[in-house]
C-alpha cells in the first residue's frame, strides 16, 4: 500500500527563533481499559482491551527565549529557559500491539481497542509534561545545553575573555535557576 498525498494537504510552519532539542526518552507504553457489561443491572461479563506501543518523548528549549549568562572567575553560569516536551509524542505504529479479551470480546473488543488507540496521543502528551519525566530527562538536557553553550556561545568573541570556561547550567524552573536569574542580570 502506498500513501498518496497532495501538497494541498501539507502545512509547513516555522519555529520562530528555532528550538534546541535537548533530550529524548524511549519507553514502551501500555494502555488498558476494562468495560463491564450488564443486562438489566446484572453483571454479565467484561471486555479488557490493551495496547502496547514504543514511544519517543522529545524535549526542547526555545532558542528565542531569554537566556542569562554570567562569567564568575573561570566559570560561565547559564540559566536556560525551562525544558518543554515536543508534542505530539512519537509512537512506532509498526510495533503497536493490541488485543482484547473477555466473554464479550468478540462483539465489543474491536471497539474497545479502537477507543483506547484514539486516546494514546492525549495520554502520552499528558505524561510527557509530568514532573516525573521532566525530572528524568533533566540531567541529559543539562549536558546538551552545556555542550551547546561550549560550542556555539563560548566561541563568540564576547566570551573570549576566558579560555575553556567551566559551564554550569541551570533551568529557570529549578529553584537555583529562579534565584540565579536576578543575580546574573546585575552588572558585576
N, C-alpha and C. Protein backbone atom coordinates (compact mmCIF):
# COMPACT_ATOMS: atom_id res chain seq x y z
N UNK A 1 0.84 -1.16 0.00
CA UNK A 1 0.00 0.00 0.00
C UNK A 1 0.89 1.23 0.00
N UNK A 2 0.58 2.19 -0.85
CA UNK A 2 1.37 3.40 -0.94
C UNK A 2 0.51 4.58 -0.54
N UNK A 3 1.09 5.45 0.30
CA UNK A 3 0.37 6.64 0.72
C UNK A 3 0.45 7.68 -0.38
N UNK A 4 -0.64 8.32 -0.62
CA UNK A 4 -0.69 9.38 -1.62
C UNK A 4 -1.16 10.65 -0.93
N UNK A 5 -0.48 11.74 -1.24
CA UNK A 5 -0.87 12.98 -0.57
C UNK A 5 -0.62 14.15 -1.51
N UNK A 6 -1.56 15.02 -1.56
CA UNK A 6 -1.45 16.22 -2.35
C UNK A 6 -0.71 17.28 -1.53
N UNK A 7 0.01 18.16 -2.21
CA UNK A 7 0.70 19.23 -1.48
C UNK A 7 -0.30 20.18 -0.85
N UNK A 8 -1.56 20.15 -1.29
CA UNK A 8 -2.59 20.98 -0.64
C UNK A 8 -2.86 20.51 0.78
N UNK A 9 -2.57 19.24 1.07
CA UNK A 9 -2.85 18.67 2.39
C UNK A 9 -1.69 18.85 3.37
N UNK A 10 -0.59 19.41 2.90
CA UNK A 10 0.59 19.57 3.74
C UNK A 10 0.68 21.02 4.21
N UNK A 11 0.92 21.19 5.50
CA UNK A 11 1.08 22.53 6.07
C UNK A 11 2.49 22.61 6.64
N UNK A 12 3.25 23.56 6.19
CA UNK A 12 4.61 23.78 6.70
C UNK A 12 4.58 25.04 7.55
N UNK A 13 5.08 24.89 8.76
CA UNK A 13 5.11 26.05 9.67
C UNK A 13 6.54 26.20 10.17
N UNK A 14 6.92 27.40 10.50
CA UNK A 14 8.26 27.63 11.03
C UNK A 14 8.22 27.67 12.54
N UNK A 15 9.36 27.48 13.15
CA UNK A 15 9.51 27.62 14.60
C UNK A 15 10.24 28.94 14.84
N UNK A 16 9.50 30.02 15.13
CA UNK A 16 10.16 31.32 15.30
C UNK A 16 11.30 31.25 16.32
N UNK A 17 12.49 31.60 15.86
CA UNK A 17 13.65 31.58 16.74
C UNK A 17 14.31 30.23 16.85
N UNK A 18 13.63 29.18 16.45
CA UNK A 18 14.20 27.84 16.48
C UNK A 18 14.08 27.15 17.83
N UNK A 19 14.33 25.87 17.81
CA UNK A 19 14.26 25.04 19.02
C UNK A 19 15.56 24.26 19.15
N UNK A 20 16.00 24.08 20.36
CA UNK A 20 17.15 23.24 20.65
C UNK A 20 16.61 21.97 21.28
N UNK A 21 16.68 20.85 20.55
CA UNK A 21 16.25 19.57 21.13
C UNK A 21 17.32 19.14 22.12
N UNK A 22 16.92 18.86 23.35
CA UNK A 22 17.90 18.62 24.41
C UNK A 22 17.90 17.21 24.97
N UNK A 23 16.83 16.45 24.78
CA UNK A 23 16.81 15.09 25.32
C UNK A 23 15.68 14.28 24.70
N UNK A 24 15.82 12.96 24.83
CA UNK A 24 14.75 12.05 24.42
C UNK A 24 14.65 10.94 25.47
N UNK A 25 13.47 10.41 25.59
CA UNK A 25 13.21 9.24 26.44
C UNK A 25 12.50 8.23 25.56
N UNK A 26 13.06 7.03 25.48
CA UNK A 26 12.41 5.94 24.75
C UNK A 26 11.77 5.02 25.78
N UNK A 27 10.50 4.70 25.58
CA UNK A 27 9.79 3.85 26.54
C UNK A 27 8.72 3.04 25.82
N UNK A 28 8.49 1.84 26.32
CA UNK A 28 7.33 1.09 25.83
C UNK A 28 6.17 1.45 26.74
N UNK A 29 5.11 1.91 26.15
CA UNK A 29 3.94 2.34 26.93
C UNK A 29 2.82 1.33 26.77
N UNK A 30 2.05 1.18 27.83
CA UNK A 30 0.93 0.23 27.83
C UNK A 30 -0.32 0.96 28.31
N UNK A 31 -1.39 0.73 27.62
CA UNK A 31 -2.68 1.33 27.95
C UNK A 31 -3.71 0.22 28.10
N UNK A 32 -4.52 0.31 29.14
CA UNK A 32 -5.53 -0.71 29.43
C UNK A 32 -6.88 -0.05 29.64
N UNK A 33 -7.92 -0.79 29.30
CA UNK A 33 -9.28 -0.36 29.66
C UNK A 33 -10.12 -1.61 29.93
N UNK A 34 -11.07 -1.45 30.81
CA UNK A 34 -11.99 -2.53 31.13
C UNK A 34 -13.41 -2.00 31.02
N UNK A 35 -14.23 -2.71 30.27
CA UNK A 35 -15.64 -2.35 30.13
C UNK A 35 -16.46 -3.47 30.78
N UNK A 36 -17.25 -3.11 31.76
CA UNK A 36 -18.11 -4.09 32.43
C UNK A 36 -19.49 -4.06 31.76
N UNK A 37 -19.97 -5.23 31.43
CA UNK A 37 -21.25 -5.34 30.73
C UNK A 37 -22.33 -5.83 31.71
N UNK A 38 -23.50 -5.22 31.59
CA UNK A 38 -24.63 -5.63 32.43
C UNK A 38 -25.88 -5.76 31.56
N UNK A 39 -26.79 -6.59 32.03
CA UNK A 39 -28.12 -6.70 31.43
C UNK A 39 -29.11 -6.50 32.56
N UNK A 40 -29.90 -5.44 32.44
CA UNK A 40 -30.86 -5.08 33.48
C UNK A 40 -30.18 -4.95 34.85
N UNK A 41 -28.95 -4.39 34.83
CA UNK A 41 -28.22 -4.17 36.07
C UNK A 41 -27.48 -5.38 36.60
N UNK A 42 -27.57 -6.50 35.93
CA UNK A 42 -26.89 -7.72 36.37
C UNK A 42 -25.59 -7.86 35.57
N UNK A 43 -24.45 -7.99 36.26
CA UNK A 43 -23.17 -8.15 35.55
C UNK A 43 -23.16 -9.44 34.72
N UNK A 44 -22.76 -9.31 33.45
CA UNK A 44 -22.73 -10.48 32.56
C UNK A 44 -21.35 -10.65 31.91
N UNK A 45 -20.35 -9.95 32.39
CA UNK A 45 -19.00 -10.12 31.85
C UNK A 45 -18.33 -8.79 31.62
N UNK A 46 -17.15 -8.88 31.06
CA UNK A 46 -16.40 -7.66 30.80
C UNK A 46 -15.53 -7.85 29.57
N UNK A 47 -15.07 -6.72 29.03
CA UNK A 47 -14.13 -6.72 27.93
C UNK A 47 -12.91 -5.94 28.39
N UNK A 48 -11.74 -6.56 28.26
CA UNK A 48 -10.48 -5.91 28.61
C UNK A 48 -9.74 -5.64 27.31
N UNK A 49 -9.30 -4.40 27.12
CA UNK A 49 -8.52 -4.03 25.94
C UNK A 49 -7.15 -3.55 26.40
N UNK A 50 -6.14 -3.87 25.60
CA UNK A 50 -4.80 -3.43 25.93
C UNK A 50 -4.07 -3.04 24.65
N UNK A 51 -3.29 -1.96 24.75
CA UNK A 51 -2.45 -1.51 23.64
C UNK A 51 -1.06 -1.28 24.20
N UNK A 52 -0.05 -1.80 23.50
CA UNK A 52 1.36 -1.54 23.84
C UNK A 52 2.00 -0.92 22.61
N UNK A 53 2.81 0.12 22.85
CA UNK A 53 3.45 0.80 21.72
C UNK A 53 4.74 1.46 22.19
N UNK A 54 5.81 1.38 21.39
CA UNK A 54 7.03 2.12 21.72
C UNK A 54 6.78 3.62 21.51
N UNK A 55 7.23 4.41 22.46
CA UNK A 55 7.05 5.86 22.38
C UNK A 55 8.40 6.56 22.53
N UNK A 56 8.53 7.69 21.86
CA UNK A 56 9.73 8.52 21.99
C UNK A 56 9.27 9.90 22.45
N UNK A 57 9.66 10.24 23.68
CA UNK A 57 9.39 11.56 24.24
C UNK A 57 10.59 12.44 23.89
N UNK A 58 10.34 13.58 23.25
CA UNK A 58 11.42 14.51 22.90
C UNK A 58 11.18 15.80 23.67
N UNK A 59 12.28 16.42 24.08
CA UNK A 59 12.21 17.66 24.87
C UNK A 59 13.08 18.72 24.22
N UNK A 60 12.64 19.97 24.33
CA UNK A 60 13.34 21.07 23.67
C UNK A 60 13.33 22.33 24.53
N UNK A 61 14.15 23.27 24.10
CA UNK A 61 14.18 24.62 24.68
C UNK A 61 14.07 25.59 23.51
N UNK A 62 13.18 26.58 23.60
CA UNK A 62 13.11 27.57 22.53
C UNK A 62 14.35 28.47 22.58
N UNK A 63 15.00 28.63 21.44
CA UNK A 63 16.19 29.47 21.40
C UNK A 63 15.85 30.96 21.48
N UNK A 64 14.62 31.33 21.15
CA UNK A 64 14.26 32.74 21.14
C UNK A 64 13.96 33.31 22.53
N UNK A 65 13.83 32.46 23.53
CA UNK A 65 13.57 32.94 24.90
C UNK A 65 14.85 33.53 25.48
N UNK A 66 14.71 34.28 26.59
CA UNK A 66 15.88 34.87 27.25
C UNK A 66 16.71 33.80 27.94
N UNK A 67 17.99 33.86 27.71
CA UNK A 67 18.97 33.03 28.39
C UNK A 67 19.85 33.99 29.18
N UNK A 68 20.22 33.65 30.40
CA UNK A 68 21.09 34.51 31.21
C UNK A 68 22.48 33.88 31.29
N UNK A 69 23.50 34.72 31.06
CA UNK A 69 24.89 34.27 31.11
C UNK A 69 25.67 35.19 32.04
N UNK A 70 26.61 34.62 32.75
CA UNK A 70 27.46 35.43 33.62
C UNK A 70 28.77 34.69 33.85
N UNK A 71 29.88 35.42 33.70
CA UNK A 71 31.19 34.86 33.98
C UNK A 71 31.54 35.21 35.42
N UNK A 72 31.86 34.19 36.20
CA UNK A 72 32.34 34.37 37.56
C UNK A 72 33.63 33.56 37.66
N UNK A 73 34.75 34.27 37.73
CA UNK A 73 36.04 33.60 37.72
C UNK A 73 36.25 32.93 36.38
N UNK A 74 36.54 31.64 36.39
CA UNK A 74 36.71 30.91 35.13
C UNK A 74 35.50 30.01 34.84
N UNK A 75 34.34 30.45 35.35
CA UNK A 75 33.11 29.68 35.17
C UNK A 75 32.06 30.53 34.46
N UNK A 76 31.42 29.95 33.47
CA UNK A 76 30.30 30.59 32.79
C UNK A 76 29.03 29.96 33.35
N UNK A 77 28.22 30.77 34.00
CA UNK A 77 26.96 30.29 34.56
C UNK A 77 25.85 30.65 33.59
N UNK A 78 25.04 29.65 33.28
CA UNK A 78 23.96 29.80 32.30
C UNK A 78 22.64 29.44 32.96
N UNK A 79 21.64 30.30 32.79
CA UNK A 79 20.28 29.95 33.18
C UNK A 79 19.47 29.93 31.89
N UNK A 80 19.05 28.72 31.52
CA UNK A 80 18.33 28.50 30.27
C UNK A 80 16.83 28.45 30.55
N UNK A 81 16.03 28.70 29.52
CA UNK A 81 14.57 28.56 29.68
C UNK A 81 14.22 27.13 30.08
N UNK A 82 13.04 26.94 30.65
CA UNK A 82 12.64 25.58 31.04
C UNK A 82 12.51 24.67 29.82
N UNK A 83 12.72 23.39 30.06
CA UNK A 83 12.58 22.38 29.02
C UNK A 83 11.10 22.06 28.85
N UNK A 84 10.68 21.89 27.59
CA UNK A 84 9.28 21.56 27.28
C UNK A 84 9.23 20.31 26.42
N UNK A 85 8.15 19.54 26.56
CA UNK A 85 8.01 18.38 25.67
C UNK A 85 7.65 18.83 24.26
N UNK A 86 8.17 18.12 23.28
CA UNK A 86 7.78 18.33 21.89
C UNK A 86 6.58 17.41 21.64
N UNK A 87 5.46 18.02 21.30
CA UNK A 87 4.22 17.25 21.14
C UNK A 87 3.75 17.28 19.71
N UNK A 88 3.09 16.25 19.25
CA UNK A 88 2.72 15.04 19.96
C UNK A 88 3.92 14.12 20.14
N UNK A 89 3.82 13.25 21.13
CA UNK A 89 4.85 12.24 21.38
C UNK A 89 4.86 11.28 20.20
N UNK A 90 6.05 10.90 19.75
CA UNK A 90 6.16 9.98 18.61
C UNK A 90 5.91 8.55 19.06
N UNK A 91 5.19 7.81 18.24
CA UNK A 91 4.99 6.38 18.50
C UNK A 91 5.33 5.61 17.24
N UNK A 92 5.73 4.35 17.42
CA UNK A 92 6.06 3.48 16.30
C UNK A 92 4.85 2.58 16.04
N UNK A 93 4.01 2.99 15.11
CA UNK A 93 2.79 2.22 14.84
C UNK A 93 3.10 0.85 14.25
N UNK A 94 4.28 0.68 13.64
CA UNK A 94 4.66 -0.62 13.10
C UNK A 94 4.90 -1.66 14.19
N UNK A 95 5.15 -1.19 15.41
CA UNK A 95 5.37 -2.11 16.52
C UNK A 95 4.23 -2.04 17.55
N UNK A 96 3.14 -1.39 17.20
CA UNK A 96 1.98 -1.31 18.08
C UNK A 96 1.34 -2.69 18.19
N UNK A 97 1.04 -3.09 19.41
CA UNK A 97 0.36 -4.36 19.65
C UNK A 97 -0.92 -4.07 20.42
N UNK A 98 -1.99 -4.74 20.04
CA UNK A 98 -3.24 -4.56 20.76
C UNK A 98 -4.00 -5.87 20.81
N UNK A 99 -4.80 -6.00 21.85
CA UNK A 99 -5.65 -7.18 21.95
C UNK A 99 -6.80 -6.88 22.89
N UNK A 100 -7.79 -7.74 22.83
CA UNK A 100 -8.91 -7.65 23.77
C UNK A 100 -9.22 -9.06 24.25
N UNK A 101 -9.79 -9.13 25.43
CA UNK A 101 -10.16 -10.43 25.98
C UNK A 101 -11.44 -10.27 26.80
N UNK A 102 -12.03 -11.39 27.13
CA UNK A 102 -13.26 -11.38 27.91
C UNK A 102 -14.39 -12.02 27.15
N UNK A 103 -15.43 -12.34 27.88
CA UNK A 103 -16.59 -13.03 27.31
C UNK A 103 -17.19 -12.25 26.13
N UNK A 104 -17.25 -10.93 26.24
CA UNK A 104 -17.88 -10.11 25.22
C UNK A 104 -16.88 -9.60 24.17
N UNK A 105 -15.64 -10.00 24.28
CA UNK A 105 -14.59 -9.51 23.39
C UNK A 105 -14.89 -9.70 21.91
N UNK A 106 -15.45 -10.83 21.48
CA UNK A 106 -15.73 -10.96 20.04
C UNK A 106 -16.70 -9.90 19.53
N UNK A 107 -17.54 -9.37 20.42
CA UNK A 107 -18.54 -8.38 20.00
C UNK A 107 -18.05 -6.96 20.25
N UNK A 108 -17.45 -6.71 21.42
CA UNK A 108 -17.10 -5.34 21.81
C UNK A 108 -15.60 -5.06 21.81
N UNK A 109 -14.78 -6.07 21.59
CA UNK A 109 -13.33 -5.92 21.69
C UNK A 109 -12.73 -4.94 20.70
N UNK A 110 -13.14 -5.02 19.44
CA UNK A 110 -12.57 -4.14 18.42
C UNK A 110 -12.86 -2.68 18.74
N UNK A 111 -14.09 -2.38 19.17
CA UNK A 111 -14.43 -1.00 19.53
C UNK A 111 -13.63 -0.54 20.75
N UNK A 112 -13.44 -1.43 21.73
CA UNK A 112 -12.67 -1.07 22.92
C UNK A 112 -11.22 -0.77 22.56
N UNK A 113 -10.62 -1.59 21.71
CA UNK A 113 -9.24 -1.37 21.28
C UNK A 113 -9.15 -0.06 20.48
N UNK A 114 -10.08 0.18 19.58
CA UNK A 114 -10.07 1.42 18.79
C UNK A 114 -10.19 2.64 19.67
N UNK A 115 -11.06 2.60 20.67
CA UNK A 115 -11.20 3.74 21.58
C UNK A 115 -9.90 3.97 22.36
N UNK A 116 -9.28 2.90 22.77
CA UNK A 116 -8.03 3.00 23.51
C UNK A 116 -6.93 3.59 22.61
N UNK A 117 -6.87 3.15 21.37
CA UNK A 117 -5.87 3.69 20.44
C UNK A 117 -6.08 5.18 20.18
N UNK A 118 -7.34 5.61 20.10
CA UNK A 118 -7.62 7.03 19.87
C UNK A 118 -7.23 7.89 21.07
N UNK A 119 -7.09 7.30 22.24
CA UNK A 119 -6.74 8.07 23.44
C UNK A 119 -5.24 8.18 23.66
N UNK A 120 -4.45 7.46 22.90
CA UNK A 120 -3.00 7.39 23.14
C UNK A 120 -2.33 8.76 23.04
N UNK A 121 -2.61 9.52 22.00
CA UNK A 121 -1.93 10.81 21.80
C UNK A 121 -2.13 11.73 23.00
N UNK A 122 -3.36 11.87 23.47
CA UNK A 122 -3.63 12.75 24.60
C UNK A 122 -2.95 12.24 25.88
N UNK A 123 -3.02 10.94 26.11
CA UNK A 123 -2.41 10.37 27.32
C UNK A 123 -0.90 10.53 27.32
N UNK A 124 -0.26 10.31 26.18
CA UNK A 124 1.18 10.48 26.10
C UNK A 124 1.57 11.95 26.25
N UNK A 125 0.76 12.85 25.71
CA UNK A 125 1.03 14.28 25.88
C UNK A 125 0.97 14.70 27.34
N UNK A 126 -0.01 14.19 28.05
CA UNK A 126 -0.10 14.48 29.49
C UNK A 126 1.10 13.91 30.23
N UNK A 127 1.48 12.69 29.90
CA UNK A 127 2.61 12.06 30.59
C UNK A 127 3.92 12.79 30.31
N UNK A 128 4.09 13.28 29.09
CA UNK A 128 5.33 13.98 28.72
C UNK A 128 5.57 15.20 29.59
N UNK A 129 4.50 15.81 30.09
CA UNK A 129 4.60 17.03 30.89
C UNK A 129 4.66 16.77 32.39
N UNK A 130 4.65 15.51 32.81
CA UNK A 130 4.65 15.21 34.24
C UNK A 130 6.00 15.54 34.86
N UNK A 131 5.96 15.87 36.14
CA UNK A 131 7.19 16.16 36.88
C UNK A 131 8.16 14.98 36.82
N UNK A 132 7.62 13.77 36.83
CA UNK A 132 8.46 12.57 36.80
C UNK A 132 9.32 12.51 35.53
N UNK A 133 8.72 12.69 34.37
CA UNK A 133 9.50 12.62 33.13
C UNK A 133 10.38 13.85 32.95
N UNK A 134 9.89 15.02 33.35
CA UNK A 134 10.72 16.22 33.26
C UNK A 134 11.98 16.07 34.11
N UNK A 135 11.83 15.50 35.30
CA UNK A 135 12.98 15.27 36.17
C UNK A 135 13.90 14.19 35.59
N UNK A 136 13.31 13.15 35.03
CA UNK A 136 14.09 12.05 34.47
C UNK A 136 15.03 12.52 33.36
N UNK A 137 14.57 13.44 32.55
CA UNK A 137 15.38 13.90 31.42
C UNK A 137 16.26 15.10 31.74
N UNK A 138 16.13 15.69 32.92
CA UNK A 138 16.79 16.97 33.23
C UNK A 138 18.32 16.93 33.08
N UNK A 139 18.98 15.91 33.59
CA UNK A 139 20.45 15.89 33.53
C UNK A 139 20.94 15.71 32.10
N UNK A 140 20.23 14.93 31.29
CA UNK A 140 20.60 14.80 29.88
C UNK A 140 20.44 16.16 29.18
N UNK A 141 19.38 16.89 29.51
CA UNK A 141 19.17 18.22 28.93
C UNK A 141 20.26 19.18 29.37
N UNK A 142 20.63 19.11 30.64
CA UNK A 142 21.68 19.99 31.17
C UNK A 142 22.99 19.76 30.40
N UNK A 143 23.31 18.48 30.14
CA UNK A 143 24.53 18.16 29.40
C UNK A 143 24.46 18.68 27.97
N UNK A 144 23.30 18.53 27.33
CA UNK A 144 23.14 19.02 25.95
C UNK A 144 23.30 20.54 25.91
N UNK A 145 22.68 21.25 26.86
CA UNK A 145 22.79 22.71 26.89
C UNK A 145 24.25 23.11 27.14
N UNK A 146 24.94 22.41 28.02
CA UNK A 146 26.34 22.71 28.28
C UNK A 146 27.16 22.56 27.00
N UNK A 147 26.95 21.47 26.26
CA UNK A 147 27.66 21.26 25.00
C UNK A 147 27.33 22.35 23.99
N UNK A 148 26.05 22.73 23.92
CA UNK A 148 25.62 23.80 23.02
C UNK A 148 26.32 25.10 23.37
N UNK A 149 26.35 25.44 24.66
CA UNK A 149 26.98 26.68 25.10
C UNK A 149 28.48 26.65 24.79
N UNK A 150 29.14 25.54 25.05
CA UNK A 150 30.58 25.45 24.78
C UNK A 150 30.89 25.60 23.30
N UNK A 151 30.05 25.03 22.45
CA UNK A 151 30.32 25.08 21.01
C UNK A 151 29.84 26.36 20.35
N UNK A 152 28.66 26.87 20.72
CA UNK A 152 28.06 27.97 19.98
C UNK A 152 28.06 29.31 20.72
N UNK A 153 28.31 29.30 22.00
CA UNK A 153 28.33 30.58 22.74
C UNK A 153 29.75 30.97 23.09
N UNK A 154 30.48 30.06 23.71
CA UNK A 154 31.83 30.37 24.17
C UNK A 154 32.74 30.74 23.00
N UNK A 155 32.44 30.25 21.80
CA UNK A 155 33.25 30.58 20.63
C UNK A 155 33.03 32.01 20.13
N UNK A 156 32.01 32.70 20.62
CA UNK A 156 31.73 34.06 20.19
C UNK A 156 32.77 35.01 20.79
N UNK A 157 33.13 36.08 20.07
CA UNK A 157 34.17 37.00 20.55
C UNK A 157 33.90 37.56 21.95
N UNK A 158 32.65 37.81 22.26
CA UNK A 158 32.31 38.40 23.57
C UNK A 158 32.81 37.54 24.73
N UNK A 159 32.83 36.23 24.56
CA UNK A 159 33.18 35.32 25.65
C UNK A 159 34.63 34.87 25.59
N UNK A 160 35.41 35.42 24.70
CA UNK A 160 36.82 35.03 24.59
C UNK A 160 37.66 35.55 25.76
N UNK A 161 37.04 36.28 26.68
CA UNK A 161 37.79 36.80 27.83
C UNK A 161 38.26 35.68 28.76
N UNK A 162 37.65 34.53 28.64
CA UNK A 162 38.10 33.38 29.42
C UNK A 162 38.30 32.22 28.46
N UNK A 163 39.33 31.44 28.70
CA UNK A 163 39.57 30.30 27.81
C UNK A 163 39.07 29.03 28.47
N UNK A 164 38.40 28.22 27.70
CA UNK A 164 37.86 26.94 28.15
C UNK A 164 37.19 27.03 29.52
N UNK A 165 36.15 27.86 29.62
CA UNK A 165 35.49 28.01 30.92
C UNK A 165 34.73 26.75 31.32
N UNK A 166 34.60 26.55 32.61
CA UNK A 166 33.66 25.54 33.09
C UNK A 166 32.27 26.13 32.87
N UNK A 167 31.34 25.32 32.45
CA UNK A 167 29.98 25.79 32.19
C UNK A 167 29.04 25.13 33.19
N UNK A 168 28.33 25.96 33.95
CA UNK A 168 27.31 25.47 34.87
C UNK A 168 25.96 25.86 34.30
N UNK A 169 25.07 24.89 34.16
CA UNK A 169 23.77 25.14 33.55
C UNK A 169 22.67 24.92 34.58
N UNK A 170 21.77 25.90 34.65
CA UNK A 170 20.55 25.79 35.46
C UNK A 170 19.38 26.09 34.53
N UNK A 171 18.20 25.63 34.91
CA UNK A 171 16.99 25.94 34.16
C UNK A 171 16.12 26.87 34.99
N UNK A 172 15.40 27.76 34.33
CA UNK A 172 14.57 28.74 35.03
C UNK A 172 13.59 28.12 36.01
N UNK A 173 13.10 26.94 35.72
CA UNK A 173 12.10 26.33 36.58
C UNK A 173 12.70 25.54 37.74
N UNK A 174 14.02 25.55 37.88
CA UNK A 174 14.67 24.93 39.03
C UNK A 174 14.81 25.98 40.13
N UNK A 175 14.78 25.60 41.38
CA UNK A 175 14.94 26.58 42.46
C UNK A 175 16.22 27.41 42.31
N UNK A 176 17.36 26.79 42.01
CA UNK A 176 18.60 27.56 41.85
C UNK A 176 18.54 28.47 40.63
N UNK A 177 17.88 28.00 39.57
CA UNK A 177 17.73 28.82 38.37
C UNK A 177 16.93 30.08 38.64
N UNK A 178 15.83 29.96 39.38
CA UNK A 178 15.00 31.12 39.71
C UNK A 178 15.77 32.12 40.56
N UNK A 179 16.60 31.62 41.49
CA UNK A 179 17.38 32.51 42.35
C UNK A 179 18.53 33.16 41.59
N UNK A 180 19.08 32.44 40.61
CA UNK A 180 20.26 32.94 39.90
C UNK A 180 19.92 34.01 38.87
N UNK A 181 18.73 34.02 38.30
CA UNK A 181 18.40 34.96 37.23
C UNK A 181 18.63 36.41 37.65
N UNK A 182 18.07 36.87 38.78
CA UNK A 182 18.31 38.28 39.14
C UNK A 182 19.80 38.58 39.35
N UNK A 183 20.53 37.64 39.92
CA UNK A 183 21.96 37.85 40.16
C UNK A 183 22.74 37.93 38.86
N UNK A 184 22.37 37.10 37.90
CA UNK A 184 23.09 37.08 36.63
C UNK A 184 22.79 38.31 35.80
N UNK A 185 21.66 38.91 35.99
CA UNK A 185 21.29 40.08 35.18
C UNK A 185 21.87 41.37 35.75
N UNK A 186 22.43 41.32 36.95
CA UNK A 186 23.07 42.50 37.52
C UNK A 186 24.47 42.64 36.94
N UNK A 187 24.92 43.86 36.81
CA UNK A 187 26.29 44.09 36.35
C UNK A 187 27.26 43.72 37.45
N UNK A 188 28.44 43.16 37.11
CA UNK A 188 29.41 42.76 38.13
C UNK A 188 29.97 43.95 38.89
